[in-house]
Amino acid sequence: MIIEPLRVPLIPEVIALMELGDPYITARTYSDYWLYAELFSSTCRLAVDEGRVIGAAIGFRSQDT
């Protein structure tokens, strides 16, 4: 398993993973994850095992403070 930043090509896998958490976790829209990947990839990490996304931690810091 490796930990890597969220990247745009992996967004569909992240959405599919988050949908497994229903009803406790709600997947965001593709455009939300695109923003996370493009603007906050340093704080949005994925656990990838054998090329498959098996976990995700999505977080971001305020750009104002």
Protein backbone atom coordinates (compact mmCIF):
# COMPACT_ATOMS: atom_id res chain seq x y z
CA MET A 1 0.00 0.00 0.00
CA ILE A 2 1.18 3.49 -0.78
CA ILE A 3 -0.15 6.89 0.29
CA GLU A 4 -0.35 9.44 -2.49
CA PRO A 5 -2.03 12.76 -3.25
CA LEU A 6 -5.47 12.85 -4.84
CA ARG A 7 -5.06 13.10 -8.62
CA VAL A 8 -7.74 13.83 -11.23
CA PRO A 9 -7.50 10.40 -12.96
CA LEU A 10 -8.38 8.70 -9.65
CA ILE A 11 -11.55 10.71 -8.98
CA PRO A 12 -13.98 8.03 -10.29
CA GLU A 13 -12.41 5.47 -7.93
CA VAL A 14 -12.66 7.89 -5.00
CA ILE A 15 -16.33 8.55 -5.73
CA ALA A 16 -17.02 4.80 -5.93
CA LEU A 17 -15.21 4.28 -2.63
CA MET A 18 -17.15 7.06 -0.90
CA GLU A 19 -20.46 5.66 -2.17
CA LEU A 20 -19.72 2.48 -0.19
CA GLY A 21 -20.13 4.56 2.98
CA ASP A 22 -23.78 5.36 2.31
CA PRO A 23 -25.78 6.41 4.35
CA TYR A 24 -23.04 7.61 6.72
CA ILE A 25 -20.78 9.15 4.08
CA THR A 26 -22.07 11.08 1.08
CA ALA A 27 -19.92 11.22 -2.03
CA ARG A 28 -19.35 14.71 -3.36
CA THR A 29 -19.67 15.70 -7.02
CA TYR A 30 -16.93 15.13 -9.59
CA SER A 31 -16.28 18.87 -9.69
CA ASP A 32 -15.73 18.94 -5.91
CA TYR A 33 -13.10 16.22 -6.14
CA TRP A 34 -11.52 17.98 -9.13
CA LEU A 35 -11.09 21.10 -6.98
CA TYR A 36 -9.62 19.02 -4.14
CA ALA A 37 -7.16 17.39 -6.58
CA GLU A 38 -6.14 20.63 -8.25
CA LEU A 39 -6.06 22.98 -5.25
CA PHE A 40 -5.65 20.83 -2.13
CA SER A 41 -3.80 17.68 -3.21
CA SER A 42 -1.19 18.18 -0.49
CA THR A 43 -3.86 17.57 2.17
CA CYS A 44 -6.07 15.08 0.28
CA ARG A 45 -4.43 11.67 0.48
CA LEU A 46 -5.33 8.30 -0.96
CA ALA A 47 -4.34 4.82 0.14
CA VAL A 48 -3.62 2.81 -3.01
CA ASP A 49 -3.00 -0.94 -2.98
CA GLU A 50 -2.12 -2.85 -6.13
CA GLY A 51 -3.37 0.07 -8.23
CA ARG A 52 -6.73 0.28 -6.45
CA VAL A 53 -7.91 3.14 -4.20
CA ILE A 54 -8.75 1.54 -0.85
CA GLY A 55 -8.95 4.61 1.38
CA ALA A 56 -9.12 8.39 1.29
CA ALA A 57 -8.64 11.31 3.65
CA ILE A 58 -10.03 14.55 2.22
CA GLY A 59 -9.06 17.74 3.99
CA PHE A 60 -8.04 21.26 3.17
CA ARG A 61 -6.73 24.34 4.87
CA SER A 62 -8.13 27.81 4.50
CA GLN A 63 -6.33 29.82 1.87
CA ASP A 64 -7.15 32.98 3.79
CA THR A 65 -5.39 32.20 7.07
